[in-house]
């Protein structure tokens, strides 16, 4: 693999402080295994929302399909994220196959997301972190930048990821082309609306998947924001982001258990936490 180039979007003045590391005295390895039922739940999370969105798009209530599409995209991102980290208990080839499948349904390049996400963990909001640079922006800036974000990930993965990642990106591209062809040839309105919703979701990924969990943390030393309470569950536990960065091999479904241990066993951990939305946080 070639050396990762410095992030051209991050001003040199925005050098994050040293990021916190995983506490050594907290037990966490028992949280790694998923039971057979837990695996089934993970794989099935996006399916009801996808079906519901299609049913709504094909009905007189088609505008409501956008909400179902949003929830599908969120659950698909969670499944995609677990495959990136190998947290589903699958052979690596199966993880990669899942990324290709999700790329076709989400109409995006999940291999470039996988590559940039691993750089995000490695460089933690620093110059080599293309994904994390969104956290240095304002809300308005990241929303304006959003449509360019997936294209930048593709460009950087193609340039810096090496032959293995280029081949995976080509696999994603083939799946997306086939999906687009089938949708356009079918002419079915519910699939065309799904395509439009996925295009919009891709443009909002920088905001919802990166900025909302990292904004304001670059100079705090925290690995990310972390939510408790009902909003955390509505977001399918993806807002336990600080815990994920500290222990990326712990499956998302087990992050609340991990957070409870960190809150009670690590002095100062709970007090230093920054919620995603403070007024909806259980502890605030």
C-alpha atoms as a PDB file:
ATOM      1  CA  UNK A   1       0.000   0.000   0.000  1.00  0.00           C
ATOM      2  CA  UNK A   2       1.266   3.447  -0.853  1.00  0.00           C
ATOM      3  CA  UNK A   3       1.751   6.044   1.840  1.00  0.00           C
ATOM      4  CA  UNK A   4      -1.382   8.018   2.663  1.00  0.00           C
ATOM      5  CA  UNK A   5      -1.087  11.644   1.593  1.00  0.00           C
ATOM      6  CA  UNK A   6      -1.788  14.510   3.952  1.00  0.00           C
ATOM      7  CA  UNK A   7      -5.367  15.678   4.087  1.00  0.00           C
ATOM      8  CA  UNK A   8      -5.520  18.818   1.891  1.00  0.00           C
ATOM      9  CA  UNK A   9      -8.738  20.030   3.509  1.00  0.00           C
ATOM     10  CA  UNK A  10      -7.473  20.265   7.083  1.00  0.00           C
ATOM     11  CA  UNK A  11      -5.753  23.569   7.914  1.00  0.00           C
ATOM     12  CA  UNK A  12      -2.364  23.117   9.544  1.00  0.00           C
ATOM     13  CA  UNK A  13      -3.588  25.241  12.444  1.00  0.00           C
ATOM     14  CA  UNK A  14      -6.180  22.580  13.276  1.00  0.00           C
ATOM     15  CA  UNK A  15      -3.895  20.045  14.849  1.00  0.00           C
ATOM     16  CA  UNK A  16      -5.926  17.937  17.276  1.00  0.00           C
ATOM     17  CA  UNK A  17      -4.685  17.251  20.747  1.00  0.00           C
ATOM     18  CA  UNK A  18      -3.580  13.745  21.594  1.00  0.00           C
ATOM     19  CA  UNK A  19      -6.651  11.562  21.459  1.00  0.00           C
ATOM     20  CA  UNK A  20      -7.647   9.409  24.408  1.00  0.00           C
ATOM     21  CA  UNK A  21      -6.766   5.734  24.295  1.00  0.00           C
ATOM     22  CA  UNK A  22      -8.654   2.690  25.487  1.00  0.00           C
ATOM     23  CA  UNK A  23      -8.562   2.156  29.277  1.00  0.00           C
ATOM     24  CA  UNK A  24      -6.581  -0.958  30.111  1.00  0.00           C
ATOM     25  CA  UNK A  25      -8.438  -2.118  33.222  1.00  0.00           C
ATOM     26  CA  UNK A  26     -11.893  -2.539  31.647  1.00  0.00           C
ATOM     27  CA  UNK A  27     -12.920  -6.033  30.574  1.00  0.00           C
ATOM     28  CA  UNK A  28     -14.310  -6.023  27.032  1.00  0.00           C
ATOM     29  CA  UNK A  29     -13.316  -9.189  25.162  1.00  0.00           C
ATOM     30  CA  UNK A  30     -16.393 -11.022  26.469  1.00  0.00           C
ATOM     31  CA  UNK A  31     -18.496  -8.549  24.452  1.00  0.00           C
ATOM     32  CA  UNK A  32     -17.023  -9.615  21.109  1.00  0.00           C
ATOM     33  CA  UNK A  33     -18.886 -12.846  20.224  1.00  0.00           C
ATOM     34  CA  UNK A  34     -22.325 -12.602  18.643  1.00  0.00           C
ATOM     35  CA  UNK A  35     -24.808 -15.430  19.014  1.00  0.00           C
ATOM     36  CA  UNK A  36     -26.507 -16.858  15.959  1.00  0.00           C
ATOM     37  CA  UNK A  37     -29.660 -14.910  16.749  1.00  0.00           C
ATOM     38  CA  UNK A  38     -27.716 -11.660  17.193  1.00  0.00           C
ATOM     39  CA  UNK A  39     -26.163 -12.164  13.760  1.00  0.00           C
ATOM     40  CA  UNK A  40     -29.587 -12.686  12.200  1.00  0.00           C
ATOM     41  CA  UNK A  41     -30.795  -9.475  13.837  1.00  0.00           C
ATOM     42  CA  UNK A  42     -27.807  -7.531  12.475  1.00  0.00           C
ATOM     43  CA  UNK A  43     -28.333  -8.770   8.927  1.00  0.00           C
ATOM     44  CA  UNK A  44     -32.070  -8.108   9.020  1.00  0.00           C
ATOM     45  CA  UNK A  45     -32.034  -4.574  10.515  1.00  0.00           C
ATOM     46  CA  UNK A  46     -32.198  -2.701   7.167  1.00  0.00           C
ATOM     47  CA  UNK A  47     -34.703  -5.047   5.506  1.00  0.00           C
ATOM     48  CA  UNK A  48     -38.004  -3.911   7.094  1.00  0.00           C
ATOM     49  CA  UNK A  49     -37.167  -0.256   6.417  1.00  0.00           C
ATOM     50  CA  UNK A  50     -36.287  -1.003   2.784  1.00  0.00           C
ATOM     51  CA  UNK A  51     -39.546  -2.886   2.241  1.00  0.00           C
ATOM     52  CA  UNK A  52     -41.548  -0.193   4.028  1.00  0.00           C
ATOM     53  CA  UNK A  53     -39.963   2.547   1.924  1.00  0.00           C
ATOM     54  CA  UNK A  54     -40.828   0.718  -1.298  1.00  0.00           C
ATOM     55  CA  UNK A  55     -44.400   0.100  -0.154  1.00  0.00           C
ATOM     56  CA  UNK A  56     -44.828   3.761   0.746  1.00  0.00           C
ATOM     57  CA  UNK A  57     -43.279   4.950  -2.527  1.00  0.00           C
ATOM     58  CA  UNK A  58     -45.793   2.773  -4.404  1.00  0.00           C
ATOM     59  CA  UNK A  59     -48.719   4.196  -2.413  1.00  0.00           C
ATOM     60  CA  UNK A  60     -50.550   7.536  -2.200  1.00  0.00           C
ATOM     61  CA  UNK A  61     -48.422   8.209   0.901  1.00  0.00           C
ATOM     62  CA  UNK A  62     -45.203   8.176  -1.083  1.00  0.00           C
ATOM     63  CA  UNK A  63     -43.643  11.272   0.618  1.00  0.00           C
ATOM     64  CA  UNK A  64     -43.454   9.262   3.857  1.00  0.00           C
ATOM     65  CA  UNK A  65     -41.159   6.846   2.074  1.00  0.00           C
ATOM     66  CA  UNK A  66     -38.320   9.343   2.543  1.00  0.00           C
ATOM     67  CA  UNK A  67     -38.377   8.753   6.305  1.00  0.00           C
ATOM     68  CA  UNK A  68     -38.292   4.984   5.822  1.00  0.00           C
ATOM     69  CA  UNK A  69     -35.425   5.403   3.347  1.00  0.00           C
ATOM     70  CA  UNK A  70     -33.513   7.458   5.913  1.00  0.00           C
ATOM     71  CA  UNK A  71     -33.929   4.682   8.480  1.00  0.00           C
ATOM     72  CA  UNK A  72     -32.923   2.060   5.910  1.00  0.00           C
ATOM     73  CA  UNK A  73     -29.767   4.001   5.087  1.00  0.00           C
ATOM     74  CA  UNK A  74     -28.933   4.336   8.789  1.00  0.00           C
ATOM     75  CA  UNK A  75     -29.342   0.591   9.401  1.00  0.00           C
ATOM     76  CA  UNK A  76     -27.421  -0.230   6.224  1.00  0.00           C
ATOM     77  CA  UNK A  77     -24.602   2.051   7.389  1.00  0.00           C
ATOM     78  CA  UNK A  78     -24.512   0.162  10.686  1.00  0.00           C
ATOM     79  CA  UNK A  79     -24.331  -3.198   8.890  1.00  0.00           C
ATOM     80  CA  UNK A  80     -21.710  -1.812   6.502  1.00  0.00           C
ATOM     81  CA  UNK A  81     -19.740  -0.479   9.462  1.00  0.00           C
ATOM     82  CA  UNK A  82     -19.768  -3.853  11.225  1.00  0.00           C
ATOM     83  CA  UNK A  83     -18.530  -5.557   8.054  1.00  0.00           C
ATOM     84  CA  UNK A  84     -15.701  -3.001   7.759  1.00  0.00           C
ATOM     85  CA  UNK A  85     -14.463  -3.910  11.243  1.00  0.00           C
ATOM     86  CA  UNK A  86     -15.096  -7.631  10.846  1.00  0.00           C
ATOM     87  CA  UNK A  87     -17.511  -7.597  13.784  1.00  0.00           C
ATOM     88  CA  UNK A  88     -20.143  -9.892  12.276  1.00  0.00           C
ATOM     89  CA  UNK A  89     -18.248 -13.141  12.840  1.00  0.00           C
ATOM     90  CA  UNK A  90     -17.991 -13.763   9.083  1.00  0.00           C
ATOM     91  CA  UNK A  91     -15.013 -14.836   6.959  1.00  0.00           C
ATOM     92  CA  UNK A  92     -13.324 -11.761   5.526  1.00  0.00           C
ATOM     93  CA  UNK A  93     -14.457 -12.617   2.005  1.00  0.00           C
ATOM     94  CA  UNK A  94     -18.060 -12.624   3.204  1.00  0.00           C
ATOM     95  CA  UNK A  95     -17.557  -9.188   4.791  1.00  0.00           C
ATOM     96  CA  UNK A  96     -16.256  -7.869   1.465  1.00  0.00           C
ATOM     97  CA  UNK A  97     -19.148  -9.493  -0.410  1.00  0.00           C
ATOM     98  CA  UNK A  98     -21.568  -7.782   1.967  1.00  0.00           C
ATOM     99  CA  UNK A  99     -19.905  -4.425   1.261  1.00  0.00           C
ATOM    100  CA  UNK A 100     -20.429  -5.010  -2.474  1.00  0.00           C
ATOM    101  CA  UNK A 101     -24.085  -5.941  -1.988  1.00  0.00           C
ATOM    102  CA  UNK A 102     -24.772  -2.924   0.202  1.00  0.00           C
ATOM    103  CA  UNK A 103     -22.988  -0.681  -2.316  1.00  0.00           C
ATOM    104  CA  UNK A 104     -25.488  -1.727  -4.991  1.00  0.00           C
ATOM    105  CA  UNK A 105     -28.537  -1.156  -2.766  1.00  0.00           C
ATOM    106  CA  UNK A 106     -27.233   2.080  -1.247  1.00  0.00           C
ATOM    107  CA  UNK A 107     -25.917   3.284  -4.625  1.00  0.00           C
ATOM    108  CA  UNK A 108     -22.456   4.126  -3.327  1.00  0.00           C
ATOM    109  CA  UNK A 109     -18.885   2.874  -3.064  1.00  0.00           C
ATOM    110  CA  UNK A 110     -18.591   1.192   0.311  1.00  0.00           C
ATOM    111  CA  UNK A 111     -15.062  -0.016  -0.312  1.00  0.00           C
ATOM    112  CA  UNK A 112     -13.831   3.578  -0.433  1.00  0.00           C
ATOM    113  CA  UNK A 113     -15.784   4.211   2.771  1.00  0.00           C
ATOM    114  CA  UNK A 114     -14.112   1.161   4.358  1.00  0.00           C
ATOM    115  CA  UNK A 115     -10.636   2.341   3.396  1.00  0.00           C
ATOM    116  CA  UNK A 116     -11.193   5.903   4.589  1.00  0.00           C
ATOM    117  CA  UNK A 117     -12.820   4.698   7.806  1.00  0.00           C
ATOM    118  CA  UNK A 118      -9.778   2.647   8.723  1.00  0.00           C
ATOM    119  CA  UNK A 119      -7.623   5.725   8.026  1.00  0.00           C
ATOM    120  CA  UNK A 120     -10.007   7.648  10.270  1.00  0.00           C
ATOM    121  CA  UNK A 121      -9.286   5.253  13.127  1.00  0.00           C
ATOM    122  CA  UNK A 122      -5.570   5.298  12.427  1.00  0.00           C
ATOM    123  CA  UNK A 123      -5.101   9.064  12.174  1.00  0.00           C
ATOM    124  CA  UNK A 124      -7.898  10.253  14.527  1.00  0.00           C
ATOM    125  CA  UNK A 125      -8.868  13.694  13.173  1.00  0.00           C
ATOM    126  CA  UNK A 126      -5.321  14.463  12.065  1.00  0.00           C
ATOM    127  CA  UNK A 127      -3.918  15.410   8.640  1.00  0.00           C
ATOM    128  CA  UNK A 128      -4.227  11.847   7.310  1.00  0.00           C
ATOM    129  CA  UNK A 129      -7.911  11.579   8.221  1.00  0.00           C
ATOM    130  CA  UNK A 130     -10.034  12.556   5.219  1.00  0.00           C
ATOM    131  CA  UNK A 131     -13.229  11.267   6.801  1.00  0.00           C
ATOM    132  CA  UNK A 132     -12.669  13.065  10.090  1.00  0.00           C
ATOM    133  CA  UNK A 133     -11.900  16.452   8.550  1.00  0.00           C
ATOM    134  CA  UNK A 134     -15.673  16.998   8.354  1.00  0.00           C
ATOM    135  CA  UNK A 135     -15.639  17.314  12.134  1.00  0.00           C
ATOM    136  CA  UNK A 136     -13.607  20.513  11.845  1.00  0.00           C
ATOM    137  CA  UNK A 137     -16.334  22.214   9.778  1.00  0.00           C
ATOM    138  CA  UNK A 138     -19.412  24.118  10.832  1.00  0.00           C
ATOM    139  CA  UNK A 139     -22.815  22.553  10.219  1.00  0.00           C
ATOM    140  CA  UNK A 140     -23.403  24.791   7.190  1.00  0.00           C
ATOM    141  CA  UNK A 141     -19.974  24.008   5.755  1.00  0.00           C
ATOM    142  CA  UNK A 142     -20.379  20.252   6.042  1.00  0.00           C
ATOM    143  CA  UNK A 143     -23.850  20.345   4.473  1.00  0.00           C
ATOM    144  CA  UNK A 144     -22.463  22.286   1.506  1.00  0.00           C
ATOM    145  CA  UNK A 145     -19.495  19.939   1.279  1.00  0.00           C
ATOM    146  CA  UNK A 146     -21.700  16.821   1.546  1.00  0.00           C
ATOM    147  CA  UNK A 147     -22.208  16.086  -2.193  1.00  0.00           C
ATOM    148  CA  UNK A 148     -18.449  16.187  -2.726  1.00  0.00           C
ATOM    149  CA  UNK A 149     -17.630  13.930   0.234  1.00  0.00           C
ATOM    150  CA  UNK A 150     -18.312  10.523  -1.407  1.00  0.00           C
ATOM    151  CA  UNK A 151     -16.357  11.596  -4.491  1.00  0.00           C
ATOM    152  CA  UNK A 152     -13.363  12.633  -2.384  1.00  0.00           C
ATOM    153  CA  UNK A 153     -13.408   9.265  -0.607  1.00  0.00           C
ATOM    154  CA  UNK A 154     -13.398   7.481  -3.955  1.00  0.00           C
ATOM    155  CA  UNK A 155     -10.570   9.650  -5.286  1.00  0.00           C
ATOM    156  CA  UNK A 156      -8.370   9.179  -2.242  1.00  0.00           C
ATOM    157  CA  UNK A 157      -8.976   5.439  -1.979  1.00  0.00           C
ATOM    158  CA  UNK A 158      -8.180   4.974  -5.660  1.00  0.00           C
ATOM    159  CA  UNK A 159      -5.005   7.033  -5.358  1.00  0.00           C
ATOM    160  CA  UNK A 160      -3.678   5.812  -2.003  1.00  0.00           C
ATOM    161  CA  UNK A 161      -5.335   2.457  -1.318  1.00  0.00           C
ATOM    162  CA  UNK A 162      -3.376   0.342  -3.749  1.00  0.00           C
ATOM    163  CA  UNK A 163      -4.388  -2.445  -6.135  1.00  0.00           C
ATOM    164  CA  UNK A 164      -6.458  -4.446  -3.612  1.00  0.00           C
ATOM    165  CA  UNK A 165      -8.725  -1.520  -2.832  1.00  0.00           C
ATOM    166  CA  UNK A 166      -9.004  -0.492  -6.472  1.00  0.00           C
ATOM    167  CA  UNK A 167     -10.284  -3.952  -7.347  1.00  0.00           C
ATOM    168  CA  UNK A 168     -12.815  -3.776  -4.540  1.00  0.00           C
ATOM    169  CA  UNK A 169     -13.945  -0.360  -5.728  1.00  0.00           C
ATOM    170  CA  UNK A 170     -14.424  -1.756  -9.225  1.00  0.00           C
ATOM    171  CA  UNK A 171     -16.583  -4.496  -7.716  1.00  0.00           C
ATOM    172  CA  UNK A 172     -18.697  -1.832  -6.004  1.00  0.00           C
ATOM    173  CA  UNK A 173     -18.942   0.100  -9.248  1.00  0.00           C
ATOM    174  CA  UNK A 174     -20.123  -2.949 -11.154  1.00  0.00           C
ATOM    175  CA  UNK A 175     -22.856  -3.548  -8.595  1.00  0.00           C
ATOM    176  CA  UNK A 176     -23.982   0.079  -8.727  1.00  0.00           C
ATOM    177  CA  UNK A 177     -24.065   0.071 -12.547  1.00  0.00           C
ATOM    178  CA  UNK A 178     -26.155  -3.105 -12.569  1.00  0.00           C
ATOM    179  CA  UNK A 179     -28.541  -1.674  -9.962  1.00  0.00           C
ATOM    180  CA  UNK A 180     -28.887   1.593 -11.881  1.00  0.00           C
ATOM    181  CA  UNK A 181     -29.516  -0.271 -15.107  1.00  0.00           C
ATOM    182  CA  UNK A 182     -32.239  -2.443 -13.585  1.00  0.00           C
ATOM    183  CA  UNK A 183     -33.919   0.543 -11.918  1.00  0.00           C
ATOM    184  CA  UNK A 184     -33.891   2.692 -15.039  1.00  0.00           C
ATOM    185  CA  UNK A 185     -34.988  -0.138 -17.344  1.00  0.00           C
ATOM    186  CA  UNK A 186     -37.840  -1.103 -15.040  1.00  0.00           C
ATOM    187  CA  UNK A 187     -39.225   2.410 -14.940  1.00  0.00           C
ATOM    188  CA  UNK A 188     -40.945   1.564 -11.657  1.00  0.00           C
ATOM    189  CA  UNK A 189     -41.602   4.729  -9.720  1.00  0.00           C
ATOM    190  CA  UNK A 190     -40.884   3.217  -6.297  1.00  0.00           C
ATOM    191  CA  UNK A 191     -37.399   2.200  -7.425  1.00  0.00           C
ATOM    192  CA  UNK A 192     -36.760   5.585  -9.018  1.00  0.00           C
ATOM    193  CA  UNK A 193     -37.759   7.238  -5.751  1.00  0.00           C
ATOM    194  CA  UNK A 194     -35.461   4.831  -3.878  1.00  0.00           C
ATOM    195  CA  UNK A 195     -32.633   5.869  -6.203  1.00  0.00           C
ATOM    196  CA  UNK A 196     -33.307   9.557  -5.519  1.00  0.00           C
ATOM    197  CA  UNK A 197     -33.421   8.934  -1.765  1.00  0.00           C
ATOM    198  CA  UNK A 198     -30.103   7.082  -1.815  1.00  0.00           C
ATOM    199  CA  UNK A 199     -28.463   9.880  -3.817  1.00  0.00           C
ATOM    200  CA  UNK A 200     -29.637  12.403  -1.233  1.00  0.00           C
ATOM    201  CA  UNK A 201     -28.529  10.166   1.631  1.00  0.00           C
ATOM    202  CA  UNK A 202     -25.044   9.874   0.136  1.00  0.00           C
ATOM    203  CA  UNK A 203     -24.863  13.686   0.062  1.00  0.00           C
ATOM    204  CA  UNK A 204     -25.809  13.846   3.757  1.00  0.00           C
ATOM    205  CA  UNK A 205     -23.412  11.128   4.959  1.00  0.00           C
ATOM    206  CA  UNK A 206     -20.701  13.613   5.895  1.00  0.00           C
ATOM    207  CA  UNK A 207     -23.150  15.363   8.217  1.00  0.00           C
ATOM    208  CA  UNK A 208     -24.956  12.426   9.821  1.00  0.00           C
ATOM    209  CA  UNK A 209     -22.175   9.819   9.861  1.00  0.00           C
ATOM    210  CA  UNK A 210     -19.153  12.003  10.677  1.00  0.00           C
ATOM    211  CA  UNK A 211     -19.867  15.587  11.722  1.00  0.00           C
ATOM    212  CA  UNK A 212     -22.610  14.890  14.225  1.00  0.00           C
ATOM    213  CA  UNK A 213     -20.400  12.509  16.251  1.00  0.00           C
ATOM    214  CA  UNK A 214     -17.106  14.417  15.961  1.00  0.00           C
ATOM    215  CA  UNK A 215     -17.902  18.133  15.820  1.00  0.00           C
ATOM    216  CA  UNK A 216     -16.195  20.020  18.611  1.00  0.00           C
ATOM    217  CA  UNK A 217     -14.050  17.088  19.776  1.00  0.00           C
ATOM    218  CA  UNK A 218     -10.833  17.737  17.854  1.00  0.00           C
ATOM    219  CA  UNK A 219      -9.246  19.735  20.684  1.00  0.00           C
ATOM    220  CA  UNK A 220     -10.992  18.068  23.611  1.00  0.00           C
ATOM    221  CA  UNK A 221      -8.908  14.903  23.498  1.00  0.00           C
ATOM    222  CA  UNK A 222     -12.084  12.796  23.341  1.00  0.00           C
ATOM    223  CA  UNK A 223     -12.302  10.047  20.737  1.00  0.00           C
ATOM    224  CA  UNK A 224     -15.826  11.160  19.791  1.00  0.00           C
ATOM    225  CA  UNK A 225     -19.227  12.105  21.125  1.00  0.00           C
ATOM    226  CA  UNK A 226     -21.453   9.603  22.905  1.00  0.00           C
ATOM    227  CA  UNK A 227     -25.192   9.703  23.495  1.00  0.00           C
ATOM    228  CA  UNK A 228     -27.323   7.999  26.132  1.00  0.00           C
ATOM    229  CA  UNK A 229     -31.087   7.514  26.341  1.00  0.00           C
ATOM    230  CA  UNK A 230     -33.834   7.323  23.742  1.00  0.00           C
ATOM    231  CA  UNK A 231     -31.999   9.157  20.946  1.00  0.00           C
ATOM    232  CA  UNK A 232     -29.150   6.661  21.142  1.00  0.00           C
ATOM    233  CA  UNK A 233     -31.622   3.825  20.565  1.00  0.00           C
ATOM    234  CA  UNK A 234     -33.470   5.660  17.798  1.00  0.00           C
ATOM    235  CA  UNK A 235     -30.091   5.993  16.064  1.00  0.00           C
ATOM    236  CA  UNK A 236     -29.628   2.207  16.361  1.00  0.00           C
ATOM    237  CA  UNK A 237     -26.769   2.716  18.850  1.00  0.00           C
ATOM    238  CA  UNK A 238     -24.554   4.443  16.283  1.00  0.00           C
ATOM    239  CA  UNK A 239     -24.205   7.427  18.635  1.00  0.00           C
ATOM    240  CA  UNK A 240     -22.038   5.424  21.057  1.00  0.00           C
ATOM    241  CA  UNK A 241     -19.204   6.724  18.940  1.00  0.00           C
ATOM    242  CA  UNK A 242     -16.632   7.462  21.613  1.00  0.00           C
ATOM    243  CA  UNK A 243     -16.887   3.880  22.846  1.00  0.00           C
ATOM    244  CA  UNK A 244     -16.570   2.588  19.301  1.00  0.00           C
ATOM    245  CA  UNK A 245     -13.334   4.488  18.731  1.00  0.00           C
ATOM    246  CA  UNK A 246     -11.844   3.207  21.972  1.00  0.00           C
ATOM    247  CA  UNK A 247     -12.859  -0.418  21.307  1.00  0.00           C
ATOM    248  CA  UNK A 248     -13.599  -0.766  17.560  1.00  0.00           C
ATOM    249  CA  UNK A 249     -13.816  -4.576  17.703  1.00  0.00           C
ATOM    250  CA  UNK A 250     -16.821  -4.478  20.043  1.00  0.00           C
ATOM    251  CA  UNK A 251     -20.016  -4.919  17.972  1.00  0.00           C
ATOM    252  CA  UNK A 252     -22.357  -1.936  17.924  1.00  0.00           C
ATOM    253  CA  UNK A 253     -25.085  -3.976  19.605  1.00  0.00           C
ATOM    254  CA  UNK A 254     -22.832  -4.421  22.652  1.00  0.00           C
ATOM    255  CA  UNK A 255     -21.685  -0.801  22.947  1.00  0.00           C
ATOM    256  CA  UNK A 256     -24.286   0.107  25.622  1.00  0.00           C
ATOM    257  CA  UNK A 257     -22.845  -2.664  27.821  1.00  0.00           C
ATOM    258  CA  UNK A 258     -19.342  -1.360  27.195  1.00  0.00           C
ATOM    259  CA  UNK A 259     -20.423   2.223  27.923  1.00  0.00           C
ATOM    260  CA  UNK A 260     -21.937   1.170  31.261  1.00  0.00           C
ATOM    261  CA  UNK A 261     -18.630  -0.408  32.280  1.00  0.00           C
ATOM    262  CA  UNK A 262     -16.643   2.656  31.224  1.00  0.00           C
ATOM    263  CA  UNK A 263     -19.034   5.012  33.028  1.00  0.00           C
ATOM    264  CA  UNK A 264     -18.737   3.118  36.306  1.00  0.00           C
ATOM    265  CA  UNK A 265     -15.183   1.765  36.210  1.00  0.00           C
ATOM    266  CA  UNK A 266     -13.103   4.565  34.668  1.00  0.00           C
ATOM    267  CA  UNK A 267     -12.728   7.672  36.869  1.00  0.00           C
ATOM    268  CA  UNK A 268     -13.801  10.829  35.060  1.00  0.00           C
ATOM    269  CA  UNK A 269     -15.033   9.016  31.955  1.00  0.00           C
ATOM    270  CA  UNK A 270     -18.705   9.820  32.416  1.00  0.00           C
ATOM    271  CA  UNK A 271     -18.045  13.434  33.467  1.00  0.00           C
ATOM    272  CA  UNK A 272     -15.944  14.123  30.364  1.00  0.00           C
ATOM    273  CA  UNK A 273     -18.517  12.722  27.932  1.00  0.00           C
ATOM    274  CA  UNK A 274     -19.913  15.049  25.249  1.00  0.00           C
ATOM    275  CA  UNK A 275     -23.393  14.027  24.027  1.00  0.00           C
ATOM    276  CA  UNK A 276     -24.464  14.323  20.413  1.00  0.00           C
ATOM    277  CA  UNK A 277     -27.634  16.221  21.400  1.00  0.00           C
ATOM    278  CA  UNK A 278     -27.287  17.313  25.045  1.00  0.00           C
ATOM    279  CA  UNK A 279     -30.948  18.161  25.698  1.00  0.00           C
ATOM    280  CA  UNK A 280     -31.971  14.641  24.600  1.00  0.00           C
ATOM    281  CA  UNK A 281     -29.266  12.951  26.634  1.00  0.00           C
ATOM    282  CA  UNK A 282     -30.418  10.847  29.558  1.00  0.00           C
ATOM    283  CA  UNK A 283     -27.668  12.104  31.876  1.00  0.00           C
ATOM    284  CA  UNK A 284     -28.117  15.802  31.115  1.00  0.00           C
END
